[in-house]
Amino acid sequence: MNYEIFDISNFKQEEFEPLGTKAKYWCSDPSENYYLFKSIETYDSANNTISRDGEDWSEKISCEIAKKLFIPCADYELARDHSTRGVITKNFISSDNAYLVTGNEILKNYSAPINAEIQKKSEKQNIMHVYIILRRIIRNKPLGFNSLPGVKSAADFFTGYLMLDALLSNQDRHSENWGLIVTGKGRFHLAPSFDHAAGLGRNESDATKVNRLTSQDQGQHVSTYVQRARSYFYLKDKRLRTLKAFEYFGILNPRAALSWLAQLNALTNDIMQAIIDPVPAEIMSDVSKEFAFEMLCCNKSNMMALIPFFKENLDPTFRKRQIKTYE
């Protein structure tokens, strides 16, 4: 059975969401349930409409994978507002007194300041600053989500977020795409993971995907393609690839990394295929499904190969030596 595409054409539009570049707005259904609708459409500098095809199915698949891995995440459903495709998600802040603070604001207050004039594409989000903030400032795990063996703190859970990014080749974990939730009592909790639409090759044409799936040139293979995915995290002036960002956090946090990799090991090919297959053909082609599956398999293989390395990092002396190699 295919995933349902919810028709929200009769929902009441409440307010636009200022974060991000896509057209998004909060809306309510006739029963007054509140949702954020994220369109696959955005606008250029001249206010012309640009379609980012695939962001809806990429977000939906990513959400379902995160749930299978027990990674806290916003829950997304495919949706349509008249002819405009997108996804909807309920507000993951359940208390009226709680509110979200995004990473850019946290970094500005607790770390090296981010120049407000710098656009997202050029911002430098220091991965060590993020780790220190998670350990010393946020500290608490996402509200309403259970701990796992070796995964209890904010930094432990964020290690899982970076594993998810590496699995999806999600290149959009900029500083407005993570954050903390402040409760009415003033406690800080890591927010669930959200906004994963920039992965799974959603921006590539079907022709490009066919070429990469069938080419005899190793440089064109999917296994090579996934290694190019770049994160928004920097170590000094070097922008880290998604796999390297996870690897670095795994050096700092090996028990959590190994726990998350145990969850990933249980994510079999059959499970991944069963998550991809129900996307309706009207929004995701068979080629895109095959390409997304191959990306997941390649990325999973690359991360599972890190297990012996992370086990070595359980030794504090070995871990200190590894951290120095990054300095």
Protein backbone atom coordinates (compact mmCIF):
# COMPACT_ATOMS: atom_id res chain seq x y z
CA MET A 1 0.00 0.00 0.00
CA ASN A 2 1.32 3.45 -0.92
CA TYR A 3 1.90 6.27 1.51
CA GLU A 4 -1.13 8.55 1.61
CA ILE A 5 -0.83 12.03 0.10
CA PHE A 6 -2.91 14.22 2.40
CA ASP A 7 -4.97 16.90 0.71
CA ILE A 8 -4.78 20.05 2.83
CA SER A 9 -6.51 22.34 0.32
CA ASN A 10 -9.29 23.05 2.82
CA PHE A 11 -6.98 23.65 5.80
CA LYS A 12 -6.96 27.11 7.32
CA GLN A 13 -3.70 28.95 6.77
CA GLU A 14 -2.50 30.43 10.06
CA GLU A 15 0.96 31.99 9.64
CA PHE A 16 4.09 31.71 7.54
CA GLU A 17 7.18 30.06 9.02
CA PRO A 18 10.15 32.46 8.70
CA LEU A 19 12.90 29.84 9.04
CA GLY A 20 14.48 28.48 5.85
CA THR A 21 14.09 29.32 2.19
CA LYS A 22 11.13 27.16 1.19
CA ALA A 23 7.49 28.25 1.22
CA LYS A 24 6.17 26.93 4.52
CA TYR A 25 3.25 27.88 6.65
CA TRP A 26 1.35 26.71 9.69
CA CYS A 27 -2.19 25.56 9.05
CA SER A 28 -5.05 23.84 10.87
CA ASP A 29 -7.52 21.17 9.79
CA PRO A 30 -11.28 21.34 10.49
CA SER A 31 -10.66 19.64 13.86
CA GLU A 32 -8.16 22.39 14.74
CA ASN A 33 -5.12 20.14 14.60
CA TYR A 34 -2.05 22.26 13.84
CA TYR A 35 0.46 21.39 11.07
CA LEU A 36 3.45 22.89 9.29
CA PHE A 37 3.16 22.53 5.51
CA LYS A 38 6.49 22.58 3.66
CA SER A 39 6.13 23.08 -0.07
CA ILE A 40 8.64 21.76 -2.61
CA GLU A 41 8.45 25.22 -4.15
CA THR A 42 10.66 28.16 -3.30
CA TYR A 43 11.39 31.56 -4.82
CA ASP A 44 14.42 33.15 -6.43
CA SER A 45 15.62 36.74 -5.90
CA ALA A 46 13.12 37.97 -8.50
CA ASN A 47 10.28 36.16 -6.69
CA ASN A 48 9.95 33.57 -9.45
CA THR A 49 8.75 30.14 -8.37
CA ILE A 50 11.34 27.36 -8.36
CA SER A 51 10.35 23.72 -7.87
CA ARG A 52 12.64 21.50 -5.81
CA ASP A 53 11.30 18.23 -7.07
CA GLY A 54 11.83 15.28 -4.76
CA GLU A 55 12.03 17.14 -1.49
CA ASP A 56 8.69 15.66 -0.44
CA TRP A 57 9.58 12.00 -1.00
CA SER A 58 13.09 12.52 0.36
CA GLU A 59 11.68 13.98 3.57
CA LYS A 60 9.15 11.17 3.93
CA ILE A 61 11.67 8.37 3.37
CA SER A 62 14.17 10.03 5.72
CA CYS A 63 11.53 10.30 8.44
CA GLU A 64 10.56 6.64 8.15
CA ILE A 65 14.22 5.56 8.27
CA ALA A 66 14.87 7.72 11.34
CA LYS A 67 11.92 6.11 13.12
CA LYS A 68 13.23 2.62 12.33
CA LEU A 69 16.59 3.63 13.82
CA PHE A 70 14.87 5.10 16.93
CA ILE A 71 16.28 8.53 16.11
CA PRO A 72 14.01 11.30 17.47
CA CYS A 73 12.58 13.19 14.51
CA ALA A 74 9.71 15.29 13.30
CA ASP A 75 7.00 13.06 11.80
CA TYR A 76 6.35 13.91 8.14
CA GLU A 77 3.49 12.92 5.82
CA LEU A 78 3.21 13.55 2.09
CA ALA A 79 0.76 16.34 1.34
CA ARG A 80 -0.69 18.55 -1.36
CA ASP A 81 -2.21 22.01 -1.20
CA HIS A 82 -4.28 22.16 -4.39
CA SER A 83 -1.61 21.46 -7.04
CA THR A 84 1.38 22.23 -4.81
CA ARG A 85 3.27 19.23 -3.45
CA GLY A 86 4.97 19.09 -0.08
CA VAL A 87 4.88 17.49 3.36
CA ILE A 88 3.08 18.21 6.62
CA THR A 89 4.28 17.71 10.16
CA LYS A 90 2.75 18.36 13.55
CA ASN A 91 4.51 20.74 15.89
CA PHE A 92 6.96 18.65 17.96
CA ILE A 93 6.78 21.22 20.79
CA SER A 94 3.84 19.94 22.79
CA SER A 95 3.83 22.47 25.66
CA ASP A 96 2.56 26.03 25.26
CA ASN A 97 5.35 27.26 27.54
CA ALA A 98 8.17 25.56 25.60
CA TYR A 99 9.94 27.01 22.58
CA LEU A 100 12.60 26.14 20.01
CA VAL A 101 16.02 27.83 19.84
CA THR A 102 17.90 27.03 16.64
CA GLY A 103 21.60 26.24 16.45
CA ASN A 104 22.62 29.59 14.99
CA GLU A 105 21.25 31.40 18.05
CA ILE A 106 22.92 28.93 20.40
CA LEU A 107 26.27 29.29 18.66
CA LYS A 108 25.96 33.06 18.69
CA ASN A 109 25.38 33.13 22.44
CA TYR A 110 27.70 30.39 23.62
CA SER A 111 30.43 30.08 21.03
CA ALA A 112 32.39 31.95 18.39
CA PRO A 113 29.80 34.34 16.94
CA ILE A 114 28.33 33.79 13.52
CA ASN A 115 28.37 36.87 11.32
CA ALA A 116 24.74 37.63 10.54
CA GLU A 117 25.73 38.88 7.09
CA ILE A 118 27.17 35.52 6.10
CA GLN A 119 24.69 33.43 4.15
CA LYS A 120 24.00 29.84 5.11
CA LYS A 121 26.00 28.52 2.20
CA SER A 122 29.19 30.04 3.57
CA GLU A 123 28.64 29.82 7.33
CA LYS A 124 31.24 27.86 9.24
CA GLN A 125 29.69 25.74 11.95
CA ASN A 126 32.60 24.47 14.04
CA ILE A 127 31.91 20.86 14.95
CA MET A 128 33.84 21.06 18.22
CA HIS A 129 31.82 24.11 19.29
CA VAL A 130 28.64 22.13 18.62
CA TYR A 131 29.93 19.17 20.63
CA ILE A 132 30.85 21.39 23.61
CA ILE A 133 27.44 23.08 23.52
CA LEU A 134 25.71 19.70 23.49
CA ARG A 135 27.79 18.50 26.44
CA ARG A 136 27.79 21.64 28.59
CA ILE A 137 24.72 23.66 27.63
CA ILE A 138 21.95 21.49 26.18
CA ARG A 139 22.89 18.22 27.90
CA ASN A 140 19.42 16.63 28.03
CA LYS A 141 18.03 14.16 25.51
CA PRO A 142 14.99 14.99 23.35
CA LEU A 143 11.75 15.16 25.31
CA GLY A 144 9.52 12.10 25.10
CA PHE A 145 12.13 9.79 23.56
CA ASN A 146 13.70 6.78 25.24
CA SER A 147 17.38 6.33 25.87
CA LEU A 148 19.29 3.47 24.26
CA PRO A 149 22.32 1.59 25.57
CA GLY A 150 25.16 4.14 25.44
CA VAL A 151 22.76 6.85 24.23
CA LYS A 152 21.42 9.08 26.99
CA SER A 153 22.65 12.68 26.63
CA ALA A 154 22.09 15.37 23.99
CA ALA A 155 25.54 14.69 22.49
CA ASP A 156 24.77 10.95 22.33
CA PHE A 157 21.56 11.58 20.41
CA PHE A 158 23.18 14.15 18.12
CA THR A 159 25.71 11.46 17.17
CA GLY A 160 22.70 9.57 15.82
CA TYR A 161 21.58 12.64 13.87
CA LEU A 162 24.98 12.77 12.17
CA MET A 163 24.78 9.05 11.40
CA LEU A 164 21.40 9.68 9.81
CA ASP A 165 22.86 12.52 7.72
CA ALA A 166 25.66 10.24 6.54
CA LEU A 167 23.19 7.46 5.70
CA LEU A 168 21.00 9.80 3.66
CA SER A 169 23.84 11.94 2.24
CA ASN A 170 21.89 14.82 3.77
CA GLN A 171 23.94 17.97 3.18
CA ASP A 172 21.63 20.46 4.88
CA ARG A 173 22.30 20.22 8.63
CA HIS A 174 23.08 23.94 8.80
CA SER A 175 22.68 25.82 12.05
CA GLU A 176 18.95 26.46 11.58
CA ASN A 177 18.33 22.74 11.07
CA TRP A 178 19.05 21.65 14.65
CA GLY A 179 18.41 23.20 18.00
CA LEU A 180 17.19 22.91 21.56
CA ILE A 181 13.80 23.10 23.22
CA VAL A 182 13.48 25.25 26.32
CA THR A 183 10.76 23.94 28.64
CA GLY A 184 8.50 26.04 30.84
CA LYS A 185 10.79 25.12 33.74
CA GLY A 186 13.82 26.47 31.87
CA ARG A 187 15.40 23.09 31.12
CA PHE A 188 17.27 22.61 27.85
CA HIS A 189 16.59 19.54 25.71
CA LEU A 190 17.94 18.64 22.29
CA ALA A 191 15.21 19.12 19.68
CA PRO A 192 14.21 16.15 17.52
CA SER A 193 15.90 15.95 14.13
CA PHE A 194 14.08 17.82 11.36
CA ASP A 195 14.45 18.94 7.72
CA HIS A 196 16.13 16.03 5.90
CA ALA A 197 14.92 16.78 2.36
CA ALA A 198 18.36 17.50 0.87
CA GLY A 199 19.42 13.86 0.60
CA LEU A 200 18.96 10.62 -1.31
CA GLY A 201 19.96 12.28 -4.60
CA ARG A 202 16.62 14.05 -4.85
CA ASN A 203 18.21 16.89 -6.89
CA GLU A 204 19.64 14.61 -9.61
CA SER A 205 17.79 13.96 -12.86
CA ASP A 206 16.64 10.46 -13.75
CA ALA A 207 19.09 10.49 -16.68
CA THR A 208 21.99 11.16 -14.31
CA LYS A 209 20.80 8.44 -11.97
CA VAL A 210 20.57 5.88 -14.79
CA ASN A 211 24.09 6.78 -15.87
CA ARG A 212 25.47 6.31 -12.36
CA LEU A 213 23.59 3.05 -11.85
CA THR A 214 24.83 1.52 -15.13
CA SER A 215 28.19 3.17 -15.84
CA GLN A 216 31.34 1.03 -16.03
CA ASP A 217 33.36 4.06 -14.89
CA GLN A 218 34.10 3.74 -11.17
CA GLY A 219 34.09 7.51 -10.85
CA GLN A 220 30.42 7.54 -11.89
CA HIS A 221 29.28 4.80 -9.54
CA VAL A 222 26.85 5.47 -6.69
CA SER A 223 29.56 4.29 -4.27
CA THR A 224 31.76 7.17 -5.43
CA TYR A 225 28.89 9.65 -5.61
CA VAL A 226 27.91 9.25 -1.94
CA GLN A 227 31.45 9.96 -0.75
CA ARG A 228 31.16 13.52 -2.05
CA ALA A 229 28.30 14.52 0.27
CA ARG A 230 29.39 17.51 2.35
CA SER A 231 28.06 18.51 5.74
CA TYR A 232 27.68 22.02 7.15
CA PHE A 233 30.25 21.26 9.84
CA TYR A 234 33.78 22.56 9.81
CA LEU A 235 36.94 21.58 11.63
CA LYS A 236 39.01 24.74 11.61
CA ASP A 237 38.66 25.87 7.98
CA LYS A 238 37.96 22.45 6.52
CA ARG A 239 34.41 21.55 5.59
CA LEU A 240 33.73 17.97 6.61
CA ARG A 241 31.96 15.43 4.46
CA THR A 242 28.90 13.85 6.06
CA LEU A 243 30.74 10.60 6.80
CA LYS A 244 33.68 12.49 8.35
CA ALA A 245 31.34 14.55 10.56
CA PHE A 246 29.87 11.33 11.94
CA GLU A 247 33.35 9.81 12.27
CA TYR A 248 34.61 12.81 14.25
CA PHE A 249 31.65 12.72 16.63
CA GLY A 250 32.20 8.98 16.94
CA ILE A 251 35.79 9.57 18.08
CA LEU A 252 34.53 11.96 20.77
CA ASN A 253 31.59 9.72 21.63
CA PRO A 254 32.47 6.11 20.71
CA ARG A 255 29.92 4.35 22.92
CA ALA A 256 27.07 6.31 21.39
CA ALA A 257 28.43 5.79 17.87
CA LEU A 258 28.66 2.03 18.39
CA SER A 259 25.14 1.94 19.80
CA TRP A 260 23.77 3.80 16.79
CA LEU A 261 25.67 1.52 14.42
CA ALA A 262 24.03 -1.47 16.11
CA GLN A 263 20.68 0.10 15.20
CA LEU A 264 21.91 0.68 11.66
CA ASN A 265 23.05 -2.93 11.37
CA ALA A 266 19.47 -4.00 12.09
CA LEU A 267 18.22 -1.81 9.23
CA THR A 268 18.31 -4.54 6.60
CA ASN A 269 18.06 -4.12 2.84
CA ASP A 270 14.52 -5.49 2.97
CA ILE A 271 13.50 -2.88 5.55
CA MET A 272 15.05 -0.05 3.52
CA GLN A 273 13.32 -1.27 0.36
CA ALA A 274 10.02 -1.52 2.21
CA ILE A 275 10.36 2.11 3.28
CA ILE A 276 11.09 3.33 -0.27
CA ASP A 277 8.59 1.24 -2.24
CA PRO A 278 5.35 2.81 -0.89
CA VAL A 279 6.19 6.27 -2.26
CA PRO A 280 3.55 6.86 -4.97
CA ALA A 281 4.84 6.58 -8.54
CA GLU A 282 3.30 9.94 -9.34
CA ILE A 283 5.93 11.71 -7.24
CA MET A 284 8.92 9.29 -7.31
CA SER A 285 10.12 7.33 -10.33
CA ASP A 286 11.38 3.75 -10.26
CA VAL A 287 14.86 5.01 -11.14
CA SER A 288 14.82 7.41 -8.18
CA LYS A 289 13.77 4.54 -5.91
CA GLU A 290 16.58 2.32 -7.16
CA PHE A 291 19.11 5.16 -6.82
CA ALA A 292 17.99 6.04 -3.27
CA PHE A 293 18.25 2.38 -2.25
CA GLU A 294 21.78 2.10 -3.65
CA MET A 295 22.80 5.27 -1.83
CA LEU A 296 21.53 3.85 1.46
CA CYS A 297 23.36 0.56 0.91
CA CYS A 298 26.65 2.28 0.06
CA ASN A 299 26.47 4.69 2.96
CA LYS A 300 25.52 1.95 5.40
CA SER A 301 28.50 -0.14 4.26
CA ASN A 302 30.89 2.81 4.73
CA MET A 303 29.66 3.42 8.26
CA MET A 304 29.65 -0.21 9.35
CA ALA A 305 33.33 -0.31 8.38
CA LEU A 306 34.00 2.22 11.19
CA ILE A 307 33.03 -0.20 13.97
CA PRO A 308 36.57 -1.52 14.68
CA PHE A 309 37.90 2.05 14.71
CA PHE A 310 35.25 3.23 17.19
CA LYS A 311 35.96 0.23 19.42
CA GLU A 312 39.60 1.30 19.56
CA ASN A 313 38.44 4.77 20.60
CA LEU A 314 36.86 3.32 23.73
CA ASP A 315 40.43 3.49 25.06
CA PRO A 316 40.87 7.12 26.29
CA THR A 317 44.55 7.19 25.37
CA PHE A 318 43.85 6.07 21.80
CA ARG A 319 40.97 8.57 21.59
CA LYS A 320 43.20 11.48 22.63
CA ARG A 321 45.71 10.56 19.92
CA GLN A 322 42.96 10.44 17.31
CA ILE A 323 41.56 13.83 18.35
CA LYS A 324 45.05 15.34 17.98
CA THR A 325 45.23 14.14 14.37
CA TYR A 326 42.29 16.44 13.62
CA GLU A 327 43.83 19.49 15.32
